[in-house]
Amino acid sequence: MNRFFLRCGKIFDMARTFGNVLEGRPVLTVFDVTKLCQQRCPMCNIRKERCSHLALDSIREHAENLRRFGIRYVFLQGGEPTLRNDLIAIIDIFNENNIKPTVISNGVLFPFELAEAIAHRRCNLSVSLDTLDREKFRKIRGTDDFDSVIRTITNAAKIKNKHGNWSIVTTVTGLSTLDEIKKLEQFARENGFMYAVRPYIVVGGVAGRRCEELAYSREKIIPIFQYMSDRARVDNVLACLLYEEHMRYLRGEKMSRCDAMTRSFLLQETGDFSPCIELPQLKFDLKDFSRAKRDYAGLIDSCNRESPCFYNCGRETGVVWKNKWKLMVRIFDLIRQMSRYGNLF
């Protein structure tokens, strides 16, 4: 009987999420579980020296409210989420509420036991690795943690039967080269990870910081995304669509509206809700979401027009929805790829 009610609960939760998709309401929450971080990336403004953390009881209450709202996915990020010693408990709270978590980590503080615990849960994992060159790593991440990140990845390769999708993600900067991206792709494959690249967001903002040493000529890095798009065209329909959008962004073409308050929003480490990581000063109550969406629409449009970004939370869900008919045409390819890689979402 309990199993029957659990199954019914999952069906109701999926129905709420599907309703949100149709109504243009968020299905993804980005949760800054902490603002603490061991690294000192010159391209990031998020890290804080001191940070108050939400207690597990508060996180549980938020997760229950997010489930009732129709949220289906959560990014657990920071800062560095592994600096919380209750990260597994946080993952379990969201799973109990049928909200699938993705842990976004720099891979520095990641003992094998933690990786194994995540692998046994319904949870995706994204590990950042921007280069295989120790000196470049220090310039990009501001620390000498290269060996720790490599050890995290090679140890994770020993874990079998992961219950989520695990990926290595490279932030492409002015120091990146196509040859190095190919080496990183090979390294990811050898260790059982998917591989993805994202552009360094060079616009100065609340979350991102402009670093001249890491800034790039768009013409220089577009071939990297063209290479990734060509690779994905064969075996990853979703990634191919995303890389095409990345290239439109890099060419300076007009972007469609970002996902803030339409497909995603932010849950700050303080417990406050905001439209996105670049607009944390705008706050709202989840119970009054519709009014907040109307009130903040002009500010979000202005931000999107004057200094468009391409963070994971800001574009990816919308790209999928915008290309839904293309995906329907290739539905069998999509099913085949998801059976090969696991649930990409």
C-alpha atoms as a PDB file:
ATOM      1  CA  MET A   1       0.000   0.000   0.000  1.00  0.00           C
ATOM      2  CA  ASN A   2       2.828   2.417   0.883  1.00  0.00           C
ATOM      3  CA  ARG A   3       4.472   1.676  -2.457  1.00  0.00           C
ATOM      4  CA  PHE A   4       1.191   2.482  -4.214  1.00  0.00           C
ATOM      5  CA  PHE A   5       0.916   5.883  -2.503  1.00  0.00           C
ATOM      6  CA  LEU A   6       4.572   6.668  -3.244  1.00  0.00           C
ATOM      7  CA  ARG A   7       3.976   5.906  -6.904  1.00  0.00           C
ATOM      8  CA  CYS A   8       0.867   8.096  -6.944  1.00  0.00           C
ATOM      9  CA  GLY A   9       2.841  10.907  -5.300  1.00  0.00           C
ATOM     10  CA  LYS A  10       5.494  10.735  -8.017  1.00  0.00           C
ATOM     11  CA  ILE A  11       2.817  10.875 -10.703  1.00  0.00           C
ATOM     12  CA  PHE A  12       1.248  13.974  -9.102  1.00  0.00           C
ATOM     13  CA  ASP A  13       4.685  15.625  -8.829  1.00  0.00           C
ATOM     14  CA  MET A  14       5.412  14.944 -12.494  1.00  0.00           C
ATOM     15  CA  ALA A  15       2.015  16.382 -13.428  1.00  0.00           C
ATOM     16  CA  ARG A  16       2.808  19.588 -11.529  1.00  0.00           C
ATOM     17  CA  THR A  17       6.146  19.861 -13.314  1.00  0.00           C
ATOM     18  CA  PHE A  18       4.561  19.299 -16.713  1.00  0.00           C
ATOM     19  CA  GLY A  19       2.013  21.995 -15.874  1.00  0.00           C
ATOM     20  CA  ASN A  20       4.851  24.388 -15.044  1.00  0.00           C
ATOM     21  CA  VAL A  21       6.502  23.684 -18.404  1.00  0.00           C
ATOM     22  CA  LEU A  22       3.278  24.498 -20.252  1.00  0.00           C
ATOM     23  CA  GLU A  23       2.625  27.636 -18.185  1.00  0.00           C
ATOM     24  CA  GLY A  24       6.175  29.038 -18.395  1.00  0.00           C
ATOM     25  CA  ARG A  25       6.924  28.484 -14.720  1.00  0.00           C
ATOM     26  CA  PRO A  26      10.237  27.172 -13.350  1.00  0.00           C
ATOM     27  CA  VAL A  27      11.118  23.488 -13.084  1.00  0.00           C
ATOM     28  CA  LEU A  28      14.711  24.062 -11.891  1.00  0.00           C
ATOM     29  CA  THR A  29      16.048  25.639  -8.707  1.00  0.00           C
ATOM     30  CA  VAL A  30      19.681  26.632  -8.281  1.00  0.00           C
ATOM     31  CA  PHE A  31      20.526  26.235  -4.589  1.00  0.00           C
ATOM     32  CA  ASP A  32      23.656  27.937  -3.260  1.00  0.00           C
ATOM     33  CA  VAL A  33      24.200  25.530  -0.375  1.00  0.00           C
ATOM     34  CA  THR A  34      27.220  27.582   0.717  1.00  0.00           C
ATOM     35  CA  LYS A  35      29.257  30.566  -0.434  1.00  0.00           C
ATOM     36  CA  LEU A  36      32.486  29.152   1.003  1.00  0.00           C
ATOM     37  CA  CYS A  37      35.082  27.826  -1.441  1.00  0.00           C
ATOM     38  CA  GLN A  38      38.709  26.617  -1.313  1.00  0.00           C
ATOM     39  CA  GLN A  39      39.547  28.060  -4.721  1.00  0.00           C
ATOM     40  CA  ARG A  40      40.184  31.679  -5.661  1.00  0.00           C
ATOM     41  CA  CYS A  41      39.013  31.831  -9.269  1.00  0.00           C
ATOM     42  CA  PRO A  42      39.664  35.315 -10.720  1.00  0.00           C
ATOM     43  CA  MET A  43      36.513  34.950 -12.864  1.00  0.00           C
ATOM     44  CA  CYS A  44      34.135  34.473  -9.891  1.00  0.00           C
ATOM     45  CA  ASN A  45      32.518  36.925  -7.477  1.00  0.00           C
ATOM     46  CA  ILE A  46      30.405  34.363  -5.620  1.00  0.00           C
ATOM     47  CA  ARG A  47      32.837  33.165  -2.941  1.00  0.00           C
ATOM     48  CA  LYS A  48      32.595  34.659   0.563  1.00  0.00           C
ATOM     49  CA  GLU A  49      34.980  34.412   3.511  1.00  0.00           C
ATOM     50  CA  ARG A  50      32.124  33.762   5.945  1.00  0.00           C
ATOM     51  CA  CYS A  51      28.711  32.274   5.293  1.00  0.00           C
ATOM     52  CA  SER A  52      25.607  31.299   7.243  1.00  0.00           C
ATOM     53  CA  HIS A  53      24.111  27.986   6.186  1.00  0.00           C
ATOM     54  CA  LEU A  54      20.519  26.834   6.105  1.00  0.00           C
ATOM     55  CA  ALA A  55      19.884  24.080   8.649  1.00  0.00           C
ATOM     56  CA  LEU A  56      18.613  20.729   7.389  1.00  0.00           C
ATOM     57  CA  ASP A  57      15.131  21.369   8.829  1.00  0.00           C
ATOM     58  CA  SER A  58      14.898  24.606   6.815  1.00  0.00           C
ATOM     59  CA  ILE A  59      16.164  22.868   3.687  1.00  0.00           C
ATOM     60  CA  ARG A  60      13.548  20.154   4.174  1.00  0.00           C
ATOM     61  CA  GLU A  61      10.793  22.763   4.462  1.00  0.00           C
ATOM     62  CA  HIS A  62      12.018  24.520   1.316  1.00  0.00           C
ATOM     63  CA  ALA A  63      12.219  21.209  -0.572  1.00  0.00           C
ATOM     64  CA  GLU A  64       8.629  20.345   0.346  1.00  0.00           C
ATOM     65  CA  ASN A  65       7.445  23.760  -0.838  1.00  0.00           C
ATOM     66  CA  LEU A  66       9.459  23.443  -4.061  1.00  0.00           C
ATOM     67  CA  ARG A  67       7.899  20.045  -4.729  1.00  0.00           C
ATOM     68  CA  ARG A  68       4.415  21.502  -4.319  1.00  0.00           C
ATOM     69  CA  PHE A  69       5.400  24.363  -6.636  1.00  0.00           C
ATOM     70  CA  GLY A  70       6.381  21.872  -9.351  1.00  0.00           C
ATOM     71  CA  ILE A  71      10.182  21.994  -9.194  1.00  0.00           C
ATOM     72  CA  ARG A  72      11.725  18.813 -10.578  1.00  0.00           C
ATOM     73  CA  TYR A  73      15.473  19.543 -10.612  1.00  0.00           C
ATOM     74  CA  VAL A  74      17.934  21.280  -8.286  1.00  0.00           C
ATOM     75  CA  PHE A  75      21.557  22.326  -8.801  1.00  0.00           C
ATOM     76  CA  LEU A  76      23.477  22.037  -5.514  1.00  0.00           C
ATOM     77  CA  GLN A  77      26.291  24.514  -5.971  1.00  0.00           C
ATOM     78  CA  GLY A  78      28.103  27.322  -4.224  1.00  0.00           C
ATOM     79  CA  GLY A  79      30.778  28.170  -3.416  1.00  0.00           C
ATOM     80  CA  GLU A  80      31.781  24.562  -3.046  1.00  0.00           C
ATOM     81  CA  PRO A  81      28.993  22.236  -1.829  1.00  0.00           C
ATOM     82  CA  THR A  82      31.369  19.527  -0.550  1.00  0.00           C
ATOM     83  CA  LEU A  83      32.469  21.940   2.187  1.00  0.00           C
ATOM     84  CA  ARG A  84      29.178  21.083   3.882  1.00  0.00           C
ATOM     85  CA  ASN A  85      29.558  17.880   5.888  1.00  0.00           C
ATOM     86  CA  ASP A  86      25.806  17.245   5.524  1.00  0.00           C
ATOM     87  CA  LEU A  87      25.787  17.229   1.705  1.00  0.00           C
ATOM     88  CA  ILE A  88      24.524  13.634   1.513  1.00  0.00           C
ATOM     89  CA  ALA A  89      21.648  14.503   3.845  1.00  0.00           C
ATOM     90  CA  ILE A  90      20.770  17.455   1.569  1.00  0.00           C
ATOM     91  CA  ILE A  91      20.789  15.162  -1.483  1.00  0.00           C
ATOM     92  CA  ASP A  92      18.492  12.736   0.342  1.00  0.00           C
ATOM     93  CA  ILE A  93      16.050  15.509   1.287  1.00  0.00           C
ATOM     94  CA  PHE A  94      15.576  16.533  -2.330  1.00  0.00           C
ATOM     95  CA  ASN A  95      15.316  12.935  -3.528  1.00  0.00           C
ATOM     96  CA  GLU A  96      12.635  12.288  -0.921  1.00  0.00           C
ATOM     97  CA  ASN A  97      10.686  15.140  -2.516  1.00  0.00           C
ATOM     98  CA  ASN A  98      11.116  13.789  -6.083  1.00  0.00           C
ATOM     99  CA  ILE A  99      13.481  16.654  -6.978  1.00  0.00           C
ATOM    100  CA  LYS A 100      16.561  15.313  -8.742  1.00  0.00           C
ATOM    101  CA  PRO A 101      19.798  16.931  -7.527  1.00  0.00           C
ATOM    102  CA  THR A 102      22.951  17.724  -9.487  1.00  0.00           C
ATOM    103  CA  VAL A 103      26.046  18.435  -7.392  1.00  0.00           C
ATOM    104  CA  ILE A 104      28.328  21.000  -9.067  1.00  0.00           C
ATOM    105  CA  SER A 105      31.807  20.688  -7.560  1.00  0.00           C
ATOM    106  CA  ASN A 106      35.358  21.868  -8.107  1.00  0.00           C
ATOM    107  CA  GLY A 107      36.515  18.371  -7.150  1.00  0.00           C
ATOM    108  CA  VAL A 108      39.119  19.543  -4.625  1.00  0.00           C
ATOM    109  CA  LEU A 109      37.676  18.123  -1.399  1.00  0.00           C
ATOM    110  CA  PHE A 110      36.108  14.887  -2.569  1.00  0.00           C
ATOM    111  CA  PRO A 111      37.052  11.740  -0.635  1.00  0.00           C
ATOM    112  CA  PHE A 112      36.247   8.399  -2.225  1.00  0.00           C
ATOM    113  CA  GLU A 113      33.595   7.689   0.408  1.00  0.00           C
ATOM    114  CA  LEU A 114      31.664  10.823  -0.558  1.00  0.00           C
ATOM    115  CA  ALA A 115      31.859   9.996  -4.268  1.00  0.00           C
ATOM    116  CA  GLU A 116      30.658   6.465  -3.558  1.00  0.00           C
ATOM    117  CA  ALA A 117      27.735   7.719  -1.452  1.00  0.00           C
ATOM    118  CA  ILE A 118      26.640  10.067  -4.270  1.00  0.00           C
ATOM    119  CA  ALA A 119      27.029   7.287  -6.848  1.00  0.00           C
ATOM    120  CA  HIS A 120      24.551   5.122  -4.931  1.00  0.00           C
ATOM    121  CA  ARG A 121      21.918   7.851  -5.025  1.00  0.00           C
ATOM    122  CA  ARG A 122      19.705   9.348  -7.716  1.00  0.00           C
ATOM    123  CA  CYS A 123      22.030  12.305  -8.238  1.00  0.00           C
ATOM    124  CA  ASN A 124      24.060  13.815 -11.076  1.00  0.00           C
ATOM    125  CA  LEU A 125      27.595  15.089 -10.520  1.00  0.00           C
ATOM    126  CA  SER A 126      29.493  17.768 -12.438  1.00  0.00           C
ATOM    127  CA  VAL A 127      33.226  18.222 -11.732  1.00  0.00           C
ATOM    128  CA  SER A 128      35.073  21.275 -13.052  1.00  0.00           C
ATOM    129  CA  LEU A 129      38.394  20.709 -14.838  1.00  0.00           C
ATOM    130  CA  ASP A 130      39.534  23.443 -17.206  1.00  0.00           C
ATOM    131  CA  THR A 131      42.998  22.232 -18.169  1.00  0.00           C
ATOM    132  CA  LEU A 132      45.503  19.400 -17.822  1.00  0.00           C
ATOM    133  CA  ASP A 133      48.333  21.909 -17.469  1.00  0.00           C
ATOM    134  CA  ARG A 134      49.296  22.579 -13.845  1.00  0.00           C
ATOM    135  CA  GLU A 135      50.370  26.184 -14.412  1.00  0.00           C
ATOM    136  CA  LYS A 136      47.236  27.063 -16.376  1.00  0.00           C
ATOM    137  CA  PHE A 137      45.161  25.433 -13.627  1.00  0.00           C
ATOM    138  CA  ARG A 138      46.738  27.734 -11.056  1.00  0.00           C
ATOM    139  CA  LYS A 139      45.971  30.811 -13.168  1.00  0.00           C
ATOM    140  CA  ILE A 140      42.351  29.786 -13.780  1.00  0.00           C
ATOM    141  CA  ARG A 141      41.501  28.485 -10.307  1.00  0.00           C
ATOM    142  CA  GLY A 142      43.831  30.610  -8.183  1.00  0.00           C
ATOM    143  CA  THR A 143      45.127  27.608  -6.196  1.00  0.00           C
ATOM    144  CA  ASP A 144      47.478  24.631  -6.609  1.00  0.00           C
ATOM    145  CA  ASP A 145      44.775  21.972  -6.251  1.00  0.00           C
ATOM    146  CA  PHE A 146      45.407  20.273  -9.601  1.00  0.00           C
ATOM    147  CA  ASP A 147      46.507  16.936  -8.100  1.00  0.00           C
ATOM    148  CA  SER A 148      43.465  16.802  -5.805  1.00  0.00           C
ATOM    149  CA  VAL A 149      41.028  17.249  -8.700  1.00  0.00           C
ATOM    150  CA  ILE A 150      42.792  14.632 -10.852  1.00  0.00           C
ATOM    151  CA  ARG A 151      42.731  12.228  -7.895  1.00  0.00           C
ATOM    152  CA  THR A 152      38.993  12.823  -7.400  1.00  0.00           C
ATOM    153  CA  ILE A 153      38.286  11.952 -11.028  1.00  0.00           C
ATOM    154  CA  THR A 154      40.536   8.889 -11.238  1.00  0.00           C
ATOM    155  CA  ASN A 155      39.175   7.542  -7.940  1.00  0.00           C
ATOM    156  CA  ALA A 156      35.614   8.057  -9.183  1.00  0.00           C
ATOM    157  CA  ALA A 157      36.481   5.961 -12.243  1.00  0.00           C
ATOM    158  CA  LYS A 158      36.662   2.932  -9.917  1.00  0.00           C
ATOM    159  CA  ILE A 159      33.002   3.284  -8.910  1.00  0.00           C
ATOM    160  CA  LYS A 160      30.593   1.101 -10.857  1.00  0.00           C
ATOM    161  CA  ASN A 161      26.818   1.363 -11.321  1.00  0.00           C
ATOM    162  CA  LYS A 162      26.457   5.095 -10.754  1.00  0.00           C
ATOM    163  CA  HIS A 163      22.788   6.103 -10.420  1.00  0.00           C
ATOM    164  CA  GLY A 164      23.227   9.518 -12.017  1.00  0.00           C
ATOM    165  CA  ASN A 165      25.005  11.180 -14.894  1.00  0.00           C
ATOM    166  CA  TRP A 166      28.606  12.171 -14.093  1.00  0.00           C
ATOM    167  CA  SER A 167      30.424  14.728 -16.211  1.00  0.00           C
ATOM    168  CA  ILE A 168      33.601  16.780 -16.404  1.00  0.00           C
ATOM    169  CA  VAL A 169      32.920  20.373 -17.414  1.00  0.00           C
ATOM    170  CA  THR A 170      35.514  22.789 -18.789  1.00  0.00           C
ATOM    171  CA  THR A 171      35.130  26.550 -18.664  1.00  0.00           C
ATOM    172  CA  VAL A 172      36.636  27.783 -21.931  1.00  0.00           C
ATOM    173  CA  THR A 173      38.843  30.841 -21.395  1.00  0.00           C
ATOM    174  CA  GLY A 174      41.440  32.740 -23.378  1.00  0.00           C
ATOM    175  CA  LEU A 175      43.990  30.145 -22.222  1.00  0.00           C
ATOM    176  CA  SER A 176      42.055  27.257 -23.808  1.00  0.00           C
ATOM    177  CA  THR A 177      43.082  25.625 -27.080  1.00  0.00           C
ATOM    178  CA  LEU A 178      41.314  23.104 -29.267  1.00  0.00           C
ATOM    179  CA  ASP A 179      44.119  20.564 -28.813  1.00  0.00           C
ATOM    180  CA  GLU A 180      43.764  20.805 -25.044  1.00  0.00           C
ATOM    181  CA  ILE A 181      39.988  20.393 -25.230  1.00  0.00           C
ATOM    182  CA  LYS A 182      40.523  17.182 -27.198  1.00  0.00           C
ATOM    183  CA  LYS A 183      42.914  15.906 -24.517  1.00  0.00           C
ATOM    184  CA  LEU A 184      40.411  16.752 -21.773  1.00  0.00           C
ATOM    185  CA  GLU A 185      37.670  14.982 -23.709  1.00  0.00           C
ATOM    186  CA  GLN A 186      39.861  11.876 -23.952  1.00  0.00           C
ATOM    187  CA  PHE A 187      40.712  12.069 -20.242  1.00  0.00           C
ATOM    188  CA  ALA A 188      37.012  12.267 -19.351  1.00  0.00           C
ATOM    189  CA  ARG A 189      36.169   9.308 -21.556  1.00  0.00           C
ATOM    190  CA  GLU A 190      38.989   7.175 -20.120  1.00  0.00           C
ATOM    191  CA  ASN A 191      37.625   7.768 -16.626  1.00  0.00           C
ATOM    192  CA  GLY A 192      33.965   7.097 -17.447  1.00  0.00           C
ATOM    193  CA  PHE A 193      32.759  10.708 -17.421  1.00  0.00           C
ATOM    194  CA  MET A 194      30.788  12.589 -20.018  1.00  0.00           C
ATOM    195  CA  TYR A 195      32.474  15.774 -21.184  1.00  0.00           C
ATOM    196  CA  ALA A 196      31.108  19.271 -21.782  1.00  0.00           C
ATOM    197  CA  VAL A 197      32.449  22.778 -22.287  1.00  0.00           C
ATOM    198  CA  ARG A 198      30.956  26.132 -21.341  1.00  0.00           C
ATOM    199  CA  PRO A 199      32.193  29.639 -22.168  1.00  0.00           C
ATOM    200  CA  TYR A 200      33.713  31.860 -19.515  1.00  0.00           C
ATOM    201  CA  ILE A 201      31.164  34.635 -19.055  1.00  0.00           C
ATOM    202  CA  VAL A 202      33.350  37.708 -19.512  1.00  0.00           C
ATOM    203  CA  VAL A 203      30.693  40.314 -18.668  1.00  0.00           C
ATOM    204  CA  GLY A 204      31.353  41.728 -15.223  1.00  0.00           C
ATOM    205  CA  GLY A 205      28.445  41.093 -12.899  1.00  0.00           C
ATOM    206  CA  VAL A 206      27.344  40.080  -9.439  1.00  0.00           C
ATOM    207  CA  ALA A 207      28.298  36.431  -9.925  1.00  0.00           C
ATOM    208  CA  GLY A 208      30.925  36.706 -12.645  1.00  0.00           C
ATOM    209  CA  ARG A 209      34.042  38.860 -12.716  1.00  0.00           C
ATOM    210  CA  ARG A 210      35.973  40.043 -15.739  1.00  0.00           C
ATOM    211  CA  CYS A 211      39.593  38.864 -15.749  1.00  0.00           C
ATOM    212  CA  GLU A 212      41.695  40.203 -18.605  1.00  0.00           C
ATOM    213  CA  GLU A 213      44.111  37.274 -18.492  1.00  0.00           C
ATOM    214  CA  LEU A 214      41.253  34.811 -18.986  1.00  0.00           C
ATOM    215  CA  ALA A 215      39.157  36.900 -21.398  1.00  0.00           C
ATOM    216  CA  TYR A 216      39.066  35.581 -24.946  1.00  0.00           C
ATOM    217  CA  SER A 217      38.696  36.602 -28.522  1.00  0.00           C
ATOM    218  CA  ARG A 218      35.352  35.129 -29.543  1.00  0.00           C
ATOM    219  CA  GLU A 219      36.741  34.192 -32.940  1.00  0.00           C
ATOM    220  CA  LYS A 220      39.417  32.116 -31.187  1.00  0.00           C
ATOM    221  CA  ILE A 221      37.103  29.945 -29.108  1.00  0.00           C
ATOM    222  CA  ILE A 222      34.186  29.490 -31.530  1.00  0.00           C
ATOM    223  CA  PRO A 223      36.093  26.621 -33.257  1.00  0.00           C
ATOM    224  CA  ILE A 224      36.142  24.811 -29.886  1.00  0.00           C
ATOM    225  CA  PHE A 225      32.364  24.943 -29.685  1.00  0.00           C
ATOM    226  CA  GLN A 226      32.056  24.024 -33.362  1.00  0.00           C
ATOM    227  CA  TYR A 227      34.188  20.949 -32.683  1.00  0.00           C
ATOM    228  CA  MET A 228      32.031  19.981 -29.683  1.00  0.00           C
ATOM    229  CA  SER A 229      28.865  20.574 -31.706  1.00  0.00           C
ATOM    230  CA  ASP A 230      30.095  18.364 -34.534  1.00  0.00           C
ATOM    231  CA  ARG A 231      30.967  15.613 -32.047  1.00  0.00           C
ATOM    232  CA  ALA A 232      27.621  15.898 -30.283  1.00  0.00           C
ATOM    233  CA  ARG A 233      25.660  15.865 -33.536  1.00  0.00           C
ATOM    234  CA  VAL A 234      26.488  12.161 -33.824  1.00  0.00           C
ATOM    235  CA  ASP A 235      25.716  10.945 -30.323  1.00  0.00           C
ATOM    236  CA  ASN A 236      24.193  13.675 -28.104  1.00  0.00           C
ATOM    237  CA  VAL A 237      21.202  15.562 -29.507  1.00  0.00           C
ATOM    238  CA  LEU A 238      20.734  17.797 -26.458  1.00  0.00           C
ATOM    239  CA  ALA A 239      24.380  18.831 -26.269  1.00  0.00           C
ATOM    240  CA  CYS A 240      24.427  19.644 -29.985  1.00  0.00           C
ATOM    241  CA  LEU A 241      21.506  22.062 -29.575  1.00  0.00           C
ATOM    242  CA  LEU A 242      23.236  23.700 -26.642  1.00  0.00           C
ATOM    243  CA  TYR A 243      26.552  24.168 -28.460  1.00  0.00           C
ATOM    244  CA  GLU A 244      24.717  25.753 -31.375  1.00  0.00           C
ATOM    245  CA  GLU A 245      23.227  28.229 -28.913  1.00  0.00           C
ATOM    246  CA  HIS A 246      26.653  28.853 -27.406  1.00  0.00           C
ATOM    247  CA  MET A 247      27.988  29.788 -30.831  1.00  0.00           C
ATOM    248  CA  ARG A 248      25.112  32.220 -31.383  1.00  0.00           C
ATOM    249  CA  TYR A 249      25.994  33.798 -28.046  1.00  0.00           C
ATOM    250  CA  LEU A 250      29.684  34.036 -28.927  1.00  0.00           C
ATOM    251  CA  ARG A 251      28.914  35.561 -32.322  1.00  0.00           C
ATOM    252  CA  GLY A 252      27.016  38.308 -30.534  1.00  0.00           C
ATOM    253  CA  GLU A 253      23.674  37.395 -32.098  1.00  0.00           C
ATOM    254  CA  LYS A 254      20.469  38.435 -30.386  1.00  0.00           C
ATOM    255  CA  MET A 255      19.630  35.943 -27.676  1.00  0.00           C
ATOM    256  CA  SER A 256      16.188  34.736 -26.726  1.00  0.00           C
ATOM    257  CA  ARG A 257      15.037  35.633 -23.229  1.00  0.00           C
ATOM    258  CA  CYS A 258      16.959  33.852 -20.487  1.00  0.00           C
ATOM    259  CA  ASP A 259      15.366  31.289 -18.170  1.00  0.00           C
ATOM    260  CA  ALA A 260      15.163  33.434 -15.035  1.00  0.00           C
ATOM    261  CA  MET A 261      11.669  33.182 -13.497  1.00  0.00           C
ATOM    262  CA  THR A 262      10.485  31.237 -16.558  1.00  0.00           C
ATOM    263  CA  ARG A 263      12.378  27.944 -16.277  1.00  0.00           C
ATOM    264  CA  SER A 264      14.547  28.516 -13.194  1.00  0.00           C
ATOM    265  CA  PHE A 265      15.179  30.606 -10.099  1.00  0.00           C
ATOM    266  CA  LEU A 266      17.707  30.830  -7.273  1.00  0.00           C
ATOM    267  CA  LEU A 267      17.496  29.681  -3.654  1.00  0.00           C
ATOM    268  CA  GLN A 268      20.221  31.549  -1.799  1.00  0.00           C
ATOM    269  CA  GLU A 269      22.221  30.181   1.140  1.00  0.00           C
ATOM    270  CA  THR A 270      20.177  32.567   3.312  1.00  0.00           C
ATOM    271  CA  GLY A 271      16.898  30.904   2.312  1.00  0.00           C
ATOM    272  CA  ASP A 272      15.834  33.834   0.109  1.00  0.00           C
ATOM    273  CA  PHE A 273      14.463  33.232  -3.402  1.00  0.00           C
ATOM    274  CA  SER A 274      15.759  35.383  -6.282  1.00  0.00           C
ATOM    275  CA  PRO A 275      15.392  35.298 -10.086  1.00  0.00           C
ATOM    276  CA  CYS A 276      19.002  34.187 -10.769  1.00  0.00           C
ATOM    277  CA  ILE A 277      22.591  34.336  -9.552  1.00  0.00           C
ATOM    278  CA  GLU A 278      23.151  37.715 -11.239  1.00  0.00           C
ATOM    279  CA  LEU A 279      20.125  39.316  -9.565  1.00  0.00           C
ATOM    280  CA  PRO A 280      20.311  38.134  -5.919  1.00  0.00           C
ATOM    281  CA  GLN A 281      19.167  41.535  -4.649  1.00  0.00           C
ATOM    282  CA  LEU A 282      15.694  40.884  -6.069  1.00  0.00           C
ATOM    283  CA  LYS A 283      13.827  38.682  -3.613  1.00  0.00           C
ATOM    284  CA  PHE A 284      10.396  37.078  -3.566  1.00  0.00           C
ATOM    285  CA  ASP A 285       8.186  34.732  -1.596  1.00  0.00           C
ATOM    286  CA  LEU A 286       7.392  31.454  -3.328  1.00  0.00           C
ATOM    287  CA  LYS A 287       3.717  31.895  -2.450  1.00  0.00           C
ATOM    288  CA  ASP A 288       3.702  35.192  -4.356  1.00  0.00           C
ATOM    289  CA  PHE A 289       5.705  33.986  -7.348  1.00  0.00           C
ATOM    290  CA  SER A 290       3.325  35.179 -10.079  1.00  0.00           C
ATOM    291  CA  ARG A 291       3.365  38.784  -8.876  1.00  0.00           C
ATOM    292  CA  ALA A 292       7.161  38.728  -8.525  1.00  0.00           C
ATOM    293  CA  LYS A 293       7.521  37.374 -12.056  1.00  0.00           C
ATOM    294  CA  ARG A 294       5.493  40.314 -13.386  1.00  0.00           C
ATOM    295  CA  ASP A 295       7.306  42.871 -11.214  1.00  0.00           C
ATOM    296  CA  TYR A 296      10.787  41.716 -12.203  1.00  0.00           C
ATOM    297  CA  ALA A 297      10.121  41.048 -15.886  1.00  0.00           C
ATOM    298  CA  GLY A 298      11.444  44.446 -17.016  1.00  0.00           C
ATOM    299  CA  LEU A 299      14.669  44.143 -15.000  1.00  0.00           C
ATOM    300  CA  ILE A 300      15.313  40.638 -16.305  1.00  0.00           C
ATOM    301  CA  ASP A 301      14.684  41.760 -19.894  1.00  0.00           C
ATOM    302  CA  SER A 302      17.063  44.696 -19.425  1.00  0.00           C
ATOM    303  CA  CYS A 303      19.785  42.450 -18.007  1.00  0.00           C
ATOM    304  CA  ASN A 304      19.300  39.991 -20.859  1.00  0.00           C
ATOM    305  CA  ARG A 305      19.508  42.766 -23.441  1.00  0.00           C
ATOM    306  CA  GLU A 306      22.440  44.761 -22.033  1.00  0.00           C
ATOM    307  CA  SER A 307      24.709  42.069 -20.565  1.00  0.00           C
ATOM    308  CA  PRO A 308      23.471  38.612 -21.572  1.00  0.00           C
ATOM    309  CA  CYS A 309      25.088  35.686 -19.742  1.00  0.00           C
ATOM    310  CA  PHE A 310      25.156  31.968 -20.430  1.00  0.00           C
ATOM    311  CA  TYR A 311      25.275  30.262 -17.060  1.00  0.00           C
ATOM    312  CA  ASN A 312      23.854  26.740 -16.867  1.00  0.00           C
ATOM    313  CA  CYS A 313      20.802  27.932 -14.963  1.00  0.00           C
ATOM    314  CA  GLY A 314      20.107  30.759 -17.385  1.00  0.00           C
ATOM    315  CA  ARG A 315      19.801  29.102 -20.788  1.00  0.00           C
ATOM    316  CA  GLU A 316      19.924  25.321 -20.874  1.00  0.00           C
ATOM    317  CA  THR A 317      16.347  24.451 -19.890  1.00  0.00           C
ATOM    318  CA  GLY A 318      14.998  27.096 -22.235  1.00  0.00           C
ATOM    319  CA  VAL A 319      17.127  25.792 -25.116  1.00  0.00           C
ATOM    320  CA  VAL A 320      15.568  22.349 -24.685  1.00  0.00           C
ATOM    321  CA  TRP A 321      12.029  23.756 -24.682  1.00  0.00           C
ATOM    322  CA  LYS A 322      12.682  26.103 -27.600  1.00  0.00           C
ATOM    323  CA  ASN A 323      13.844  23.127 -29.682  1.00  0.00           C
ATOM    324  CA  LYS A 324      11.129  20.714 -28.574  1.00  0.00           C
ATOM    325  CA  TRP A 325       9.961  20.002 -32.133  1.00  0.00           C
ATOM    326  CA  LYS A 326      13.498  19.202 -33.279  1.00  0.00           C
ATOM    327  CA  LEU A 327      13.768  16.839 -30.335  1.00  0.00           C
ATOM    328  CA  MET A 328      10.471  15.191 -31.205  1.00  0.00           C
ATOM    329  CA  VAL A 329      11.785  14.474 -34.694  1.00  0.00           C
ATOM    330  CA  ARG A 330      14.817  12.772 -33.148  1.00  0.00           C
ATOM    331  CA  ILE A 331      12.992  11.193 -30.230  1.00  0.00           C
ATOM    332  CA  PHE A 332      14.366   7.718 -30.921  1.00  0.00           C
ATOM    333  CA  ASP A 333      17.933   9.056 -30.991  1.00  0.00           C
ATOM    334  CA  LEU A 334      17.245  10.837 -27.712  1.00  0.00           C
ATOM    335  CA  ILE A 335      15.881   7.670 -26.070  1.00  0.00           C
ATOM    336  CA  ARG A 336      18.854   5.657 -27.320  1.00  0.00           C
ATOM    337  CA  GLN A 337      21.331   8.215 -26.005  1.00  0.00           C
ATOM    338  CA  MET A 338      19.649   8.471 -22.606  1.00  0.00           C
ATOM    339  CA  SER A 339      19.743   4.683 -22.291  1.00  0.00           C
ATOM    340  CA  ARG A 340      23.478   4.869 -23.050  1.00  0.00           C
ATOM    341  CA  TYR A 341      24.430   7.815 -20.846  1.00  0.00           C
ATOM    342  CA  GLY A 342      21.709   7.624 -18.202  1.00  0.00           C
ATOM    343  CA  ASN A 343      19.203  10.368 -17.465  1.00  0.00           C
ATOM    344  CA  LEU A 344      20.837  13.582 -18.686  1.00  0.00           C
ATOM    345  CA  PHE A 345      18.441  15.716 -16.645  1.00  0.00           C
END
